[in-house]
Structures are given as structure tokens and as C-alpha cells.
């Protein structure tokens, strides 16, 4: 029987963070799943607080909470980030970034009650970003791919040109 050989981990981050909770350097409770949820709720809650409360307590509490979230995100593979909704939000994240100011302005213009303003901005930003993604970005990406291949007709129609149409175009 061949001797057992320990395999080295290829990714240095995985080697560094894979057993953080087993090492005696960090307390075990930092790696409890419920703590990430509580930390996220604390950060979001203090983000909604008034300016004076945020300046007084928000940063003091948010920094350790963000450290817990980051630590758990690095130490564990969070499977919920691999679901279709998370992937779609990742796909449209740049559009959300581009359109969030429009969403904020629209929500303020419509005089949405303060209690649901944050949720309204999130839904508006995701909705506008989704429309932008399907109406602008995807057609632009198809056009760019077609231009790189040398055929403008295929990008504008979304289909490959027939051999007869290609012959007429030349």
C-alpha cells in the first residue's frame, strides 16, 4: 500500500482561512452562522438611523459587524451566493450602480413614505437595471460581438445572416 501524501491546497487564501475557527487564535463564536445575520441586520439598521445616531454609534458598531461578515465570507463558501437570484443580481450589479441615483430621485419625487423609502429605492433600482440590462446592455453586447466578427446584420436582427444575404452585402 502506498503511503498517504498530504495534498497542498492550491489557493493560498483557502489555506490561510480554511481552518480559522479551529485555530485557537480567534474565538469560535465569531464563526456562528447566526452572527453574520445579526451583524448584517445591525449594519443595515444603523444605516437607516439618523445622522447623530449614526455618527455616535453607527461606526462603532458597524466596523466589528462588517469584520464578522467579511471573516465569515472569506472563511466559508456561502452557498446562498450561488443561487439564480444572486447570480442575476451579480449580472445586473453594474446597471444597479448606474441607475440607483435615478431610483433615489424617482422615489423622492413620488413622495414615498419614509418607512418604505429604502425598500422602494431597492426595488426601483433593480427594476430599472433589469430593463436596462435587457433593452440596452444585451443588445449592445451582441452588436459588439458581431462587429468583432465583422457582421453588423447579425447583431441588429439577433440571427446569423443567410449565405444569400451575406453574398448580397459583399
C-alpha atoms as a PDB file:
ATOM      1  CA  UNK A   1       0.000   0.000   0.000  1.00  0.00           C
ATOM      2  CA  UNK A   2       1.318   3.455  -0.956  1.00  0.00           C
ATOM      3  CA  UNK A   3       1.953   5.961   1.819  1.00  0.00           C
ATOM      4  CA  UNK A   4      -0.611   8.730   2.258  1.00  0.00           C
ATOM      5  CA  UNK A   5       0.651  12.025   0.896  1.00  0.00           C
ATOM      6  CA  UNK A   6      -0.836  15.276   2.110  1.00  0.00           C
ATOM      7  CA  UNK A   7      -2.057  17.391  -0.741  1.00  0.00           C
ATOM      8  CA  UNK A   8      -1.226  21.073  -0.623  1.00  0.00           C
ATOM      9  CA  UNK A   9      -4.049  23.493  -1.212  1.00  0.00           C
ATOM     10  CA  UNK A  10      -3.543  25.408  -4.450  1.00  0.00           C
ATOM     11  CA  UNK A  11      -5.306  28.600  -3.391  1.00  0.00           C
ATOM     12  CA  UNK A  12      -3.321  30.417  -0.685  1.00  0.00           C
ATOM     13  CA  UNK A  13      -6.475  32.133   0.619  1.00  0.00           C
ATOM     14  CA  UNK A  14      -8.088  28.748   1.180  1.00  0.00           C
ATOM     15  CA  UNK A  15      -5.013  27.551   3.019  1.00  0.00           C
ATOM     16  CA  UNK A  16      -4.965  30.693   5.155  1.00  0.00           C
ATOM     17  CA  UNK A  17      -8.668  30.899   6.015  1.00  0.00           C
ATOM     18  CA  UNK A  18      -9.938  27.317   5.803  1.00  0.00           C
ATOM     19  CA  UNK A  19      -9.326  26.429   9.442  1.00  0.00           C
ATOM     20  CA  UNK A  20      -9.526  29.818  11.143  1.00  0.00           C
ATOM     21  CA  UNK A  21     -12.200  28.678  13.553  1.00  0.00           C
ATOM     22  CA  UNK A  22     -10.209  25.577  14.515  1.00  0.00           C
ATOM     23  CA  UNK A  23      -7.116  27.541  15.379  1.00  0.00           C
ATOM     24  CA  UNK A  24      -7.046  28.953  18.871  1.00  0.00           C
ATOM     25  CA  UNK A  25      -6.351  32.499  17.644  1.00  0.00           C
ATOM     26  CA  UNK A  26      -9.975  33.536  17.023  1.00  0.00           C
ATOM     27  CA  UNK A  27     -12.980  32.867  19.250  1.00  0.00           C
ATOM     28  CA  UNK A  28     -15.292  30.155  17.953  1.00  0.00           C
ATOM     29  CA  UNK A  29     -18.444  32.269  18.318  1.00  0.00           C
ATOM     30  CA  UNK A  30     -17.231  34.573  15.510  1.00  0.00           C
ATOM     31  CA  UNK A  31     -17.989  31.752  13.091  1.00  0.00           C
ATOM     32  CA  UNK A  32     -21.568  31.042  14.136  1.00  0.00           C
ATOM     33  CA  UNK A  33     -23.914  31.473  11.123  1.00  0.00           C
ATOM     34  CA  UNK A  34     -26.450  33.477  13.123  1.00  0.00           C
ATOM     35  CA  UNK A  35     -23.808  36.088  13.929  1.00  0.00           C
ATOM     36  CA  UNK A  36     -23.451  37.030  10.267  1.00  0.00           C
ATOM     37  CA  UNK A  37     -27.200  37.602  10.023  1.00  0.00           C
ATOM     38  CA  UNK A  38     -27.273  39.668  13.214  1.00  0.00           C
ATOM     39  CA  UNK A  39     -24.248  41.664  12.028  1.00  0.00           C
ATOM     40  CA  UNK A  40     -25.848  42.368   8.663  1.00  0.00           C
ATOM     41  CA  UNK A  41     -29.080  43.475  10.329  1.00  0.00           C
ATOM     42  CA  UNK A  42     -27.114  45.752  12.666  1.00  0.00           C
ATOM     43  CA  UNK A  43     -25.237  47.380   9.788  1.00  0.00           C
ATOM     44  CA  UNK A  44     -28.429  47.907   7.770  1.00  0.00           C
ATOM     45  CA  UNK A  45     -30.295  49.140  10.854  1.00  0.00           C
ATOM     46  CA  UNK A  46     -27.665  51.715  11.741  1.00  0.00           C
ATOM     47  CA  UNK A  47     -27.504  52.820   8.116  1.00  0.00           C
ATOM     48  CA  UNK A  48     -31.190  53.745   8.441  1.00  0.00           C
ATOM     49  CA  UNK A  49     -30.672  55.616  11.727  1.00  0.00           C
ATOM     50  CA  UNK A  50     -30.497  59.361  11.992  1.00  0.00           C
ATOM     51  CA  UNK A  51     -27.289  61.211  11.340  1.00  0.00           C
ATOM     52  CA  UNK A  52     -26.476  61.833  15.005  1.00  0.00           C
ATOM     53  CA  UNK A  53     -27.095  58.193  15.969  1.00  0.00           C
ATOM     54  CA  UNK A  54     -25.054  57.006  13.013  1.00  0.00           C
ATOM     55  CA  UNK A  55     -22.139  59.240  13.946  1.00  0.00           C
ATOM     56  CA  UNK A  56     -22.311  58.295  17.605  1.00  0.00           C
ATOM     57  CA  UNK A  57     -22.936  54.532  17.470  1.00  0.00           C
ATOM     58  CA  UNK A  58     -23.157  53.522  13.842  1.00  0.00           C
ATOM     59  CA  UNK A  59     -19.475  53.394  13.033  1.00  0.00           C
ATOM     60  CA  UNK A  60     -18.549  51.951  16.426  1.00  0.00           C
ATOM     61  CA  UNK A  61     -20.927  49.020  15.951  1.00  0.00           C
ATOM     62  CA  UNK A  62     -20.746  48.694  12.156  1.00  0.00           C
ATOM     63  CA  UNK A  63     -16.995  48.164  11.907  1.00  0.00           C
ATOM     64  CA  UNK A  64     -16.873  44.987  14.064  1.00  0.00           C
ATOM     65  CA  UNK A  65     -20.063  43.731  12.393  1.00  0.00           C
ATOM     66  CA  UNK A  66     -18.561  44.228   8.934  1.00  0.00           C
ATOM     67  CA  UNK A  67     -15.407  42.461  10.128  1.00  0.00           C
ATOM     68  CA  UNK A  68     -17.506  39.444  11.220  1.00  0.00           C
ATOM     69  CA  UNK A  69     -19.316  39.392   7.861  1.00  0.00           C
ATOM     70  CA  UNK A  70     -16.049  39.629   5.931  1.00  0.00           C
ATOM     71  CA  UNK A  71     -14.384  36.988   8.085  1.00  0.00           C
ATOM     72  CA  UNK A  72     -17.219  34.523   7.563  1.00  0.00           C
ATOM     73  CA  UNK A  73     -17.418  35.295   3.845  1.00  0.00           C
ATOM     74  CA  UNK A  74     -13.727  34.500   3.433  1.00  0.00           C
ATOM     75  CA  UNK A  75     -13.605  31.519   5.790  1.00  0.00           C
ATOM     76  CA  UNK A  76     -16.667  29.738   4.407  1.00  0.00           C
ATOM     77  CA  UNK A  77     -18.109  29.326   0.972  1.00  0.00           C
ATOM     78  CA  UNK A  78     -21.517  30.944   1.249  1.00  0.00           C
ATOM     79  CA  UNK A  79     -23.743  28.726  -0.885  1.00  0.00           C
ATOM     80  CA  UNK A  80     -26.603  31.231  -0.983  1.00  0.00           C
ATOM     81  CA  UNK A  81     -24.459  33.344  -3.314  1.00  0.00           C
ATOM     82  CA  UNK A  82     -24.683  30.579  -5.924  1.00  0.00           C
ATOM     83  CA  UNK A  83     -28.475  30.635  -6.367  1.00  0.00           C
ATOM     84  CA  UNK A  84     -30.058  32.044  -9.558  1.00  0.00           C
ATOM     85  CA  UNK A  85     -31.274  35.258  -7.909  1.00  0.00           C
ATOM     86  CA  UNK A  86     -27.813  36.093  -6.582  1.00  0.00           C
ATOM     87  CA  UNK A  87     -26.272  35.321  -9.975  1.00  0.00           C
ATOM     88  CA  UNK A  88     -28.802  37.558 -11.729  1.00  0.00           C
ATOM     89  CA  UNK A  89     -28.173  40.393  -9.278  1.00  0.00           C
ATOM     90  CA  UNK A  90     -24.464  39.936  -9.910  1.00  0.00           C
ATOM     91  CA  UNK A  91     -25.081  40.137 -13.636  1.00  0.00           C
ATOM     92  CA  UNK A  92     -27.004  43.407 -13.344  1.00  0.00           C
ATOM     93  CA  UNK A  93     -24.936  44.873 -10.478  1.00  0.00           C
ATOM     94  CA  UNK A  94     -23.209  47.455 -12.680  1.00  0.00           C
ATOM     95  CA  UNK A  95     -26.584  48.575 -14.016  1.00  0.00           C
ATOM     96  CA  UNK A  96     -27.841  48.896 -10.447  1.00  0.00           C
ATOM     97  CA  UNK A  97     -24.823  51.063  -9.705  1.00  0.00           C
ATOM     98  CA  UNK A  98     -25.512  53.223 -12.750  1.00  0.00           C
ATOM     99  CA  UNK A  99     -29.252  53.621 -12.154  1.00  0.00           C
ATOM    100  CA  UNK A 100     -29.504  53.857  -8.359  1.00  0.00           C
ATOM    101  CA  UNK A 101     -29.365  57.676  -8.368  1.00  0.00           C
ATOM    102  CA  UNK A 102     -32.286  57.749 -10.805  1.00  0.00           C
ATOM    103  CA  UNK A 103     -34.179  55.384  -8.499  1.00  0.00           C
ATOM    104  CA  UNK A 104     -33.465  57.562  -5.450  1.00  0.00           C
ATOM    105  CA  UNK A 105     -34.607  60.669  -7.311  1.00  0.00           C
ATOM    106  CA  UNK A 106     -37.770  58.956  -8.535  1.00  0.00           C
ATOM    107  CA  UNK A 107     -38.683  57.720  -5.044  1.00  0.00           C
ATOM    108  CA  UNK A 108     -38.147  61.183  -3.570  1.00  0.00           C
ATOM    109  CA  UNK A 109     -40.145  62.790  -6.380  1.00  0.00           C
ATOM    110  CA  UNK A 110     -43.053  60.408  -5.770  1.00  0.00           C
ATOM    111  CA  UNK A 111     -43.051  61.282  -2.029  1.00  0.00           C
ATOM    112  CA  UNK A 112     -42.869  57.678  -0.869  1.00  0.00           C
ATOM    113  CA  UNK A 113     -43.322  57.391   2.920  1.00  0.00           C
ATOM    114  CA  UNK A 114     -40.028  57.347   4.827  1.00  0.00           C
ATOM    115  CA  UNK A 115     -40.793  53.956   6.369  1.00  0.00           C
ATOM    116  CA  UNK A 116     -40.587  52.193   3.000  1.00  0.00           C
ATOM    117  CA  UNK A 117     -38.237  54.521   1.123  1.00  0.00           C
ATOM    118  CA  UNK A 118     -35.216  52.204   1.276  1.00  0.00           C
ATOM    119  CA  UNK A 119     -37.202  49.219   0.009  1.00  0.00           C
ATOM    120  CA  UNK A 120     -38.756  51.357  -2.741  1.00  0.00           C
ATOM    121  CA  UNK A 121     -35.316  52.543  -3.868  1.00  0.00           C
ATOM    122  CA  UNK A 122     -34.005  48.962  -3.959  1.00  0.00           C
ATOM    123  CA  UNK A 123     -36.977  47.703  -5.972  1.00  0.00           C
ATOM    124  CA  UNK A 124     -36.851  50.707  -8.316  1.00  0.00           C
ATOM    125  CA  UNK A 125     -33.100  50.378  -8.874  1.00  0.00           C
ATOM    126  CA  UNK A 126     -33.348  46.631  -9.555  1.00  0.00           C
ATOM    127  CA  UNK A 127     -36.335  47.168 -11.861  1.00  0.00           C
ATOM    128  CA  UNK A 128     -34.683  49.950 -13.862  1.00  0.00           C
ATOM    129  CA  UNK A 129     -31.412  47.996 -14.005  1.00  0.00           C
ATOM    130  CA  UNK A 130     -33.232  44.892 -15.244  1.00  0.00           C
ATOM    131  CA  UNK A 131     -34.925  46.852 -18.031  1.00  0.00           C
ATOM    132  CA  UNK A 132     -31.618  48.491 -18.913  1.00  0.00           C
ATOM    133  CA  UNK A 133     -29.856  45.138 -18.957  1.00  0.00           C
ATOM    134  CA  UNK A 134     -32.315  43.553 -21.377  1.00  0.00           C
ATOM    135  CA  UNK A 135     -33.063  46.637 -23.501  1.00  0.00           C
ATOM    136  CA  UNK A 136     -29.608  48.223 -23.740  1.00  0.00           C
ATOM    137  CA  UNK A 137     -26.737  46.102 -22.462  1.00  0.00           C
ATOM    138  CA  UNK A 138     -27.503  42.721 -24.013  1.00  0.00           C
ATOM    139  CA  UNK A 139     -28.234  44.156 -27.494  1.00  0.00           C
ATOM    140  CA  UNK A 140     -25.088  46.299 -27.226  1.00  0.00           C
ATOM    141  CA  UNK A 141     -23.028  43.249 -26.282  1.00  0.00           C
ATOM    142  CA  UNK A 142     -24.480  41.306 -29.232  1.00  0.00           C
ATOM    143  CA  UNK A 143     -23.658  44.227 -31.528  1.00  0.00           C
ATOM    144  CA  UNK A 144     -20.111  44.418 -30.173  1.00  0.00           C
ATOM    145  CA  UNK A 145     -19.627  40.678 -30.700  1.00  0.00           C
ATOM    146  CA  UNK A 146     -20.979  40.932 -34.237  1.00  0.00           C
ATOM    147  CA  UNK A 147     -18.758  43.904 -35.032  1.00  0.00           C
ATOM    148  CA  UNK A 148     -15.746  41.978 -33.810  1.00  0.00           C
ATOM    149  CA  UNK A 149     -16.698  39.141 -36.145  1.00  0.00           C
ATOM    150  CA  UNK A 150     -17.418  41.570 -38.982  1.00  0.00           C
ATOM    151  CA  UNK A 151     -21.195  41.183 -39.425  1.00  0.00           C
ATOM    152  CA  UNK A 152     -23.432  44.075 -38.391  1.00  0.00           C
ATOM    153  CA  UNK A 153     -26.639  42.484 -39.767  1.00  0.00           C
ATOM    154  CA  UNK A 154     -26.489  39.526 -37.403  1.00  0.00           C
ATOM    155  CA  UNK A 155     -26.313  41.759 -34.331  1.00  0.00           C
ATOM    156  CA  UNK A 156     -29.194  44.012 -35.302  1.00  0.00           C
ATOM    157  CA  UNK A 157     -31.506  41.093 -36.049  1.00  0.00           C
ATOM    158  CA  UNK A 158     -30.214  38.710 -33.413  1.00  0.00           C
ATOM    159  CA  UNK A 159     -29.713  35.925 -36.001  1.00  0.00           C
ATOM    160  CA  UNK A 160     -26.967  34.882 -38.349  1.00  0.00           C
ATOM    161  CA  UNK A 161     -27.378  36.189 -41.914  1.00  0.00           C
ATOM    162  CA  UNK A 162     -28.176  33.681 -44.569  1.00  0.00           C
ATOM    163  CA  UNK A 163     -25.485  32.870 -47.169  1.00  0.00           C
ATOM    164  CA  UNK A 164     -27.540  34.706 -49.838  1.00  0.00           C
ATOM    165  CA  UNK A 165     -27.769  37.869 -47.710  1.00  0.00           C
ATOM    166  CA  UNK A 166     -24.078  37.698 -46.974  1.00  0.00           C
ATOM    167  CA  UNK A 167     -23.333  37.401 -50.689  1.00  0.00           C
ATOM    168  CA  UNK A 168     -25.549  40.443 -51.475  1.00  0.00           C
ATOM    169  CA  UNK A 169     -23.859  42.513 -48.811  1.00  0.00           C
ATOM    170  CA  UNK A 170     -20.438  41.965 -50.394  1.00  0.00           C
END
